[in-house]
Amino acid sequence: MWDINELYDIKADPEEMNNLIRSPEHQEVAGRLKKELWDWLEQTGGLQIPLKPVPHRRIDLPFKGTY
């Protein structure tokens, strides 16, 4: 949940080698899935998950807001 976002076409890429999360053609589905996930977490109390401090810098921050 708190890691780098990923989106794969399992039928075309069963080995999950090509992350489509930043692909312009997949922004609609990525956004919909992101919203569904956050809605589900809110409905089930999943937003109450305790988070631990991350000692390292996240590597996907330059891409924040692009998926």
PDB file of N, CA and C in Angstrom:
ATOM      1  N   MET A   1       0.805  -1.190   0.000  1.00  0.00           N
ATOM      2  CA  MET A   1       0.000   0.000   0.000  1.00  0.00           C
ATOM      3  C   MET A   1       0.854   1.262   0.000  1.00  0.00           C
ATOM      4  N   TRP A   2       1.924   1.278   0.747  1.00  0.00           N
ATOM      5  CA  TRP A   2       2.703   2.503   0.904  1.00  0.00           C
ATOM      6  C   TRP A   2       3.982   2.452   0.086  1.00  0.00           C
ATOM      7  N   ASP A   3       4.004   1.638  -0.919  1.00  0.00           N
ATOM      8  CA  ASP A   3       5.190   1.480  -1.752  1.00  0.00           C
ATOM      9  C   ASP A   3       4.959   2.177  -3.095  1.00  0.00           C
ATOM     10  N   ILE A   4       5.816   1.969  -4.041  1.00  0.00           N
ATOM     11  CA  ILE A   4       5.672   2.539  -5.375  1.00  0.00           C
ATOM     12  C   ILE A   4       4.444   1.934  -6.049  1.00  0.00           C
ATOM     13  N   ASN A   5       3.623   2.780  -6.670  1.00  0.00           N
ATOM     14  CA  ASN A   5       2.431   2.294  -7.355  1.00  0.00           C
ATOM     15  C   ASN A   5       2.816   1.542  -8.615  1.00  0.00           C
ATOM     16  N   GLU A   6       2.051   0.498  -8.880  1.00  0.00           N
ATOM     17  CA  GLU A   6       2.311  -0.342 -10.035  1.00  0.00           C
ATOM     18  C   GLU A   6       0.997  -0.698 -10.709  1.00  0.00           C
ATOM     19  N   LEU A   7       1.044  -0.852 -12.031  1.00  0.00           N
ATOM     20  CA  LEU A   7      -0.113  -1.269 -12.814  1.00  0.00           C
ATOM     21  C   LEU A   7       0.401  -2.119 -13.967  1.00  0.00           C
ATOM     22  N   TYR A   8      -0.106  -3.337 -14.070  1.00  0.00           N
ATOM     23  CA  TYR A   8       0.357  -4.257 -15.109  1.00  0.00           C
ATOM     24  C   TYR A   8      -0.817  -4.828 -15.890  1.00  0.00           C
ATOM     25  N   ASP A   9      -0.586  -5.132 -17.149  1.00  0.00           N
ATOM     26  CA  ASP A   9      -1.534  -5.861 -17.983  1.00  0.00           C
ATOM     27  C   ASP A   9      -1.126  -7.332 -17.874  1.00  0.00           C
ATOM     28  N   ILE A  10      -1.782  -8.036 -16.984  1.00  0.00           N
ATOM     29  CA  ILE A  10      -1.394  -9.412 -16.659  1.00  0.00           C
ATOM     30  C   ILE A  10      -1.513 -10.341 -17.871  1.00  0.00           C
ATOM     31  N   LYS A  11      -2.497 -10.102 -18.723  1.00  0.00           N
ATOM     32  CA  LYS A  11      -2.645 -10.950 -19.911  1.00  0.00           C
ATOM     33  C   LYS A  11      -1.487 -10.743 -20.887  1.00  0.00           C
ATOM     34  N   ALA A  12      -1.133  -9.497 -21.145  1.00  0.00           N
ATOM     35  CA  ALA A  12      -0.070  -9.196 -22.110  1.00  0.00           C
ATOM     36  C   ALA A  12       1.324  -9.289 -21.495  1.00  0.00           C
ATOM     37  N   ASP A  13       1.390  -9.145 -20.172  1.00  0.00           N
ATOM     38  CA  ASP A  13       2.680  -9.096 -19.475  1.00  0.00           C
ATOM     39  C   ASP A  13       2.608  -9.898 -18.173  1.00  0.00           C
ATOM     40  N   PRO A  14       2.471 -11.233 -18.271  1.00  0.00           N
ATOM     41  CA  PRO A  14       2.297 -12.043 -17.065  1.00  0.00           C
ATOM     42  C   PRO A  14       3.491 -12.014 -16.107  1.00  0.00           C
ATOM     43  N   GLU A  15       4.645 -11.626 -16.603  1.00  0.00           N
ATOM     44  CA  GLU A  15       5.832 -11.546 -15.754  1.00  0.00           C
ATOM     45  C   GLU A  15       5.956 -10.187 -15.052  1.00  0.00           C
ATOM     46  N   GLU A  16       4.995  -9.284 -15.325  1.00  0.00           N
ATOM     47  CA  GLU A  16       4.971  -7.951 -14.722  1.00  0.00           C
ATOM     48  C   GLU A  16       6.301  -7.216 -14.906  1.00  0.00           C
ATOM     49  N   MET A  17       6.719  -7.111 -16.153  1.00  0.00           N
ATOM     50  CA  MET A  17       7.980  -6.453 -16.474  1.00  0.00           C
ATOM     51  C   MET A  17       7.790  -4.993 -16.873  1.00  0.00           C
ATOM     52  N   ASN A  18       6.592  -4.623 -17.342  1.00  0.00           N
ATOM     53  CA  ASN A  18       6.340  -3.283 -17.861  1.00  0.00           C
ATOM     54  C   ASN A  18       5.293  -2.580 -16.992  1.00  0.00           C
ATOM     55  N   ASN A  19       5.751  -1.737 -16.069  1.00  0.00           N
ATOM     56  CA  ASN A  19       4.852  -0.997 -15.191  1.00  0.00           C
ATOM     57  C   ASN A  19       4.170   0.106 -15.999  1.00  0.00           C
ATOM     58  N   LEU A  20       2.845   0.061 -16.074  1.00  0.00           N
ATOM     59  CA  LEU A  20       2.073   0.990 -16.889  1.00  0.00           C
ATOM     60  C   LEU A  20       1.537   2.185 -16.103  1.00  0.00           C
ATOM     61  N   ILE A  21       1.927   2.335 -14.857  1.00  0.00           N
ATOM     62  CA  ILE A  21       1.335   3.345 -13.986  1.00  0.00           C
ATOM     63  C   ILE A  21       1.493   4.760 -14.518  1.00  0.00           C
ATOM     64  N   ARG A  22       2.547   5.058 -15.248  1.00  0.00           N
ATOM     65  CA  ARG A  22       2.752   6.409 -15.775  1.00  0.00           C
ATOM     66  C   ARG A  22       2.446   6.520 -17.268  1.00  0.00           C
ATOM     67  N   SER A  23       1.942   5.455 -17.856  1.00  0.00           N
ATOM     68  CA  SER A  23       1.580   5.462 -19.266  1.00  0.00           C
ATOM     69  C   SER A  23       0.370   6.371 -19.488  1.00  0.00           C
ATOM     70  N   PRO A  24       0.459   7.329 -20.397  1.00  0.00           N
ATOM     71  CA  PRO A  24      -0.681   8.226 -20.660  1.00  0.00           C
ATOM     72  C   PRO A  24      -1.951   7.459 -21.037  1.00  0.00           C
ATOM     73  N   GLU A  25      -1.803   6.343 -21.718  1.00  0.00           N
ATOM     74  CA  GLU A  25      -2.968   5.554 -22.128  1.00  0.00           C
ATOM     75  C   GLU A  25      -3.670   4.873 -20.961  1.00  0.00           C
ATOM     76  N   HIS A  26      -3.009   4.781 -19.816  1.00  0.00           N
ATOM     77  CA  HIS A  26      -3.570   4.053 -18.678  1.00  0.00           C
ATOM     78  C   HIS A  26      -3.933   4.943 -17.496  1.00  0.00           C
ATOM     79  N   GLN A  27      -3.905   6.257 -17.680  1.00  0.00           N
ATOM     80  CA  GLN A  27      -4.174   7.171 -16.573  1.00  0.00           C
ATOM     81  C   GLN A  27      -5.605   7.066 -16.054  1.00  0.00           C
ATOM     82  N   GLU A  28      -6.555   6.828 -16.938  1.00  0.00           N
ATOM     83  CA  GLU A  28      -7.948   6.707 -16.496  1.00  0.00           C
ATOM     84  C   GLU A  28      -8.136   5.505 -15.579  1.00  0.00           C
ATOM     85  N   VAL A  29      -7.641   4.345 -16.001  1.00  0.00           N
ATOM     86  CA  VAL A  29      -7.801   3.147 -15.175  1.00  0.00           C
ATOM     87  C   VAL A  29      -6.972   3.256 -13.895  1.00  0.00           C
ATOM     88  N   ALA A  30      -5.780   3.834 -13.974  1.00  0.00           N
ATOM     89  CA  ALA A  30      -4.947   3.999 -12.781  1.00  0.00           C
ATOM     90  C   ALA A  30      -5.641   4.910 -11.770  1.00  0.00           C
ATOM     91  N   GLY A  31      -6.203   6.007 -12.245  1.00  0.00           N
ATOM     92  CA  GLY A  31      -6.911   6.921 -11.358  1.00  0.00           C
ATOM     93  C   GLY A  31      -8.135   6.290 -10.741  1.00  0.00           C
ATOM     94  N   ARG A  32      -8.888   5.522 -11.534  1.00  0.00           N
ATOM     95  CA  ARG A  32     -10.087   4.853 -11.015  1.00  0.00           C
ATOM     96  C   ARG A  32      -9.716   3.831  -9.944  1.00  0.00           C
ATOM     97  N   LEU A  33      -8.687   3.029 -10.211  1.00  0.00           N
ATOM     98  CA  LEU A  33      -8.263   2.030  -9.232  1.00  0.00           C
ATOM     99  C   LEU A  33      -7.742   2.677  -7.949  1.00  0.00           C
ATOM    100  N   LYS A  34      -7.019   3.786  -8.086  1.00  0.00           N
ATOM    101  CA  LYS A  34      -6.518   4.504  -6.914  1.00  0.00           C
ATOM    102  C   LYS A  34      -7.685   4.999  -6.056  1.00  0.00           C
ATOM    103  N   LYS A  35      -8.701   5.580  -6.719  1.00  0.00           N
ATOM    104  CA  LYS A  35      -9.878   6.066  -5.992  1.00  0.00           C
ATOM    105  C   LYS A  35     -10.609   4.919  -5.313  1.00  0.00           C
ATOM    106  N   GLU A  36     -10.797   3.809  -6.028  1.00  0.00           N
ATOM    107  CA  GLU A  36     -11.473   2.641  -5.450  1.00  0.00           C
ATOM    108  C   GLU A  36     -10.717   2.117  -4.229  1.00  0.00           C
ATOM    109  N   LEU A  37      -9.400   2.085  -4.309  1.00  0.00           N
ATOM    110  CA  LEU A  37      -8.595   1.605  -3.186  1.00  0.00           C
ATOM    111  C   LEU A  37      -8.778   2.501  -1.967  1.00  0.00           C
ATOM    112  N   TRP A  38      -8.659   3.828  -2.154  1.00  0.00           N
ATOM    113  CA  TRP A  38      -8.801   4.752  -1.030  1.00  0.00           C
ATOM    114  C   TRP A  38     -10.216   4.737  -0.467  1.00  0.00           C
ATOM    115  N   ASP A  39     -11.226   4.609  -1.330  1.00  0.00           N
ATOM    116  CA  ASP A  39     -12.613   4.492  -0.845  1.00  0.00           C
ATOM    117  C   ASP A  39     -12.775   3.244  -0.005  1.00  0.00           C
ATOM    118  N   TRP A  40     -12.218   2.127  -0.472  1.00  0.00           N
ATOM    119  CA  TRP A  40     -12.312   0.870   0.264  1.00  0.00           C
ATOM    120  C   TRP A  40     -11.602   0.968   1.619  1.00  0.00           C
ATOM    121  N   LEU A  41     -10.409   1.574   1.627  1.00  0.00           N
ATOM    122  CA  LEU A  41      -9.685   1.743   2.885  1.00  0.00           C
ATOM    123  C   LEU A  41     -10.490   2.584   3.868  1.00  0.00           C
ATOM    124  N   GLU A  42     -11.119   3.635   3.379  1.00  0.00           N
ATOM    125  CA  GLU A  42     -11.922   4.484   4.255  1.00  0.00           C
ATOM    126  C   GLU A  42     -13.133   3.726   4.801  1.00  0.00           C
ATOM    127  N   GLN A  43     -13.804   2.958   3.956  1.00  0.00           N
ATOM    128  CA  GLN A  43     -14.991   2.207   4.358  1.00  0.00           C
ATOM    129  C   GLN A  43     -14.677   1.100   5.353  1.00  0.00           C
ATOM    130  N   THR A  44     -13.502   0.536   5.272  1.00  0.00           N
ATOM    131  CA  THR A  44     -13.155  -0.613   6.116  1.00  0.00           C
ATOM    132  C   THR A  44     -12.267  -0.254   7.302  1.00  0.00           C
ATOM    133  N   GLY A  45     -12.002   1.038   7.505  1.00  0.00           N
ATOM    134  CA  GLY A  45     -11.143   1.445   8.607  1.00  0.00           C
ATOM    135  C   GLY A  45      -9.673   1.239   8.329  1.00  0.00           C
ATOM    136  N   GLY A  46      -9.326   0.993   7.079  1.00  0.00           N
ATOM    137  CA  GLY A  46      -7.936   0.733   6.717  1.00  0.00           C
ATOM    138  C   GLY A  46      -7.038   1.947   6.801  1.00  0.00           C
ATOM    139  N   LEU A  47      -7.626   3.121   6.902  1.00  0.00           N
ATOM    140  CA  LEU A  47      -6.804   4.322   7.016  1.00  0.00           C
ATOM    141  C   LEU A  47      -6.224   4.460   8.418  1.00  0.00           C
ATOM    142  N   GLN A  48      -6.600   3.571   9.300  1.00  0.00           N
ATOM    143  CA  GLN A  48      -6.100   3.586  10.664  1.00  0.00           C
ATOM    144  C   GLN A  48      -4.840   2.744  10.835  1.00  0.00           C
ATOM    145  N   ILE A  49      -4.288   2.270   9.724  1.00  0.00           N
ATOM    146  CA  ILE A  49      -3.081   1.449   9.765  1.00  0.00           C
ATOM    147  C   ILE A  49      -1.933   2.287  10.332  1.00  0.00           C
ATOM    148  N   PRO A  50      -1.285   1.813  11.394  1.00  0.00           N
ATOM    149  CA  PRO A  50      -0.160   2.593  11.924  1.00  0.00           C
ATOM    150  C   PRO A  50       1.018   2.555  10.957  1.00  0.00           C
ATOM    151  N   LEU A  51       1.592   3.695  10.721  1.00  0.00           N
ATOM    152  CA  LEU A  51       2.719   3.791   9.805  1.00  0.00           C
ATOM    153  C   LEU A  51       4.011   3.944  10.581  1.00  0.00           C
ATOM    154  N   LYS A  52       5.038   3.308  10.092  1.00  0.00           N
ATOM    155  CA  LYS A  52       6.360   3.427  10.694  1.00  0.00           C
ATOM    156  C   LYS A  52       7.150   4.454   9.898  1.00  0.00           C
ATOM    157  N   PRO A  53       8.034   5.184  10.553  1.00  0.00           N
ATOM    158  CA  PRO A  53       8.870   6.127   9.800  1.00  0.00           C
ATOM    159  C   PRO A  53       9.726   5.390   8.773  1.00  0.00           C
ATOM    160  N   VAL A  54       9.861   5.984   7.621  1.00  0.00           N
ATOM    161  CA  VAL A  54      10.681   5.395   6.565  1.00  0.00           C
ATOM    162  C   VAL A  54      12.050   6.054   6.626  1.00  0.00           C
ATOM    163  N   PRO A  55      13.122   5.280   6.903  1.00  0.00           N
ATOM    164  CA  PRO A  55      14.438   5.867   7.061  1.00  0.00           C
ATOM    165  C   PRO A  55      15.090   6.302   5.744  1.00  0.00           C
ATOM    166  N   HIS A  56      14.535   5.881   4.621  1.00  0.00           N
ATOM    167  CA  HIS A  56      15.131   6.237   3.333  1.00  0.00           C
ATOM    168  C   HIS A  56      14.160   7.092   2.536  1.00  0.00           C
ATOM    169  N   ARG A  57      14.706   7.783   1.574  1.00  0.00           N
ATOM    170  CA  ARG A  57      13.892   8.631   0.726  1.00  0.00           C
ATOM    171  C   ARG A  57      13.156   7.785  -0.304  1.00  0.00           C
ATOM    172  N   ARG A  58      11.878   8.077  -0.500  1.00  0.00           N
ATOM    173  CA  ARG A  58      11.106   7.356  -1.510  1.00  0.00           C
ATOM    174  C   ARG A  58      11.622   7.711  -2.894  1.00  0.00           C
ATOM    175  N   ILE A  59      11.722   6.718  -3.748  1.00  0.00           N
ATOM    176  CA  ILE A  59      12.289   6.954  -5.072  1.00  0.00           C
ATOM    177  C   ILE A  59      11.255   7.417  -6.086  1.00  0.00           C
ATOM    178  N   ASP A  60       9.964   7.389  -5.743  1.00  0.00           N
ATOM    179  CA  ASP A  60       8.953   7.797  -6.720  1.00  0.00           C
ATOM    180  C   ASP A  60       8.456   9.224  -6.520  1.00  0.00           C
ATOM    181  N   LEU A  61       9.040   9.986  -5.588  1.00  0.00           N
ATOM    182  CA  LEU A  61       8.567  11.338  -5.339  1.00  0.00           C
ATOM    183  C   LEU A  61       8.635  12.260  -6.554  1.00  0.00           C
ATOM    184  N   PRO A  62       9.629  12.131  -7.429  1.00  0.00           N
ATOM    185  CA  PRO A  62       9.627  13.000  -8.618  1.00  0.00           C
ATOM    186  C   PRO A  62       8.389  12.810  -9.486  1.00  0.00           C
ATOM    187  N   PHE A  63       7.708  11.660  -9.334  1.00  0.00           N
ATOM    188  CA  PHE A  63       6.541  11.352 -10.159  1.00  0.00           C
ATOM    189  C   PHE A  63       5.232  11.627  -9.426  1.00  0.00           C
ATOM    190  N   LYS A  64       5.284  12.210  -8.219  1.00  0.00           N
ATOM    191  CA  LYS A  64       4.086  12.483  -7.430  1.00  0.00           C
ATOM    192  C   LYS A  64       3.086  13.286  -8.265  1.00  0.00           C
ATOM    193  N   GLY A  65       1.854  12.846  -8.260  1.00  0.00           N
ATOM    194  CA  GLY A  65       0.817  13.539  -8.989  1.00  0.00           C
ATOM    195  C   GLY A  65       0.692  13.142 -10.449  1.00  0.00           C
ATOM    196  N   THR A  66       1.490  12.195 -10.897  1.00  0.00           N
ATOM    197  CA  THR A  66       1.416  11.782 -12.294  1.00  0.00           C
ATOM    198  C   THR A  66       0.642  10.492 -12.477  1.00  0.00           C
ATOM    199  N   TYR A  67       0.050   9.967 -11.418  1.00  0.00           N
ATOM    200  CA  TYR A  67      -0.739   8.747 -11.531  1.00  0.00           C
ATOM    201  C   TYR A  67      -1.863   8.786 -10.546  1.00  0.00           C
TER     202      TYR A  67
END
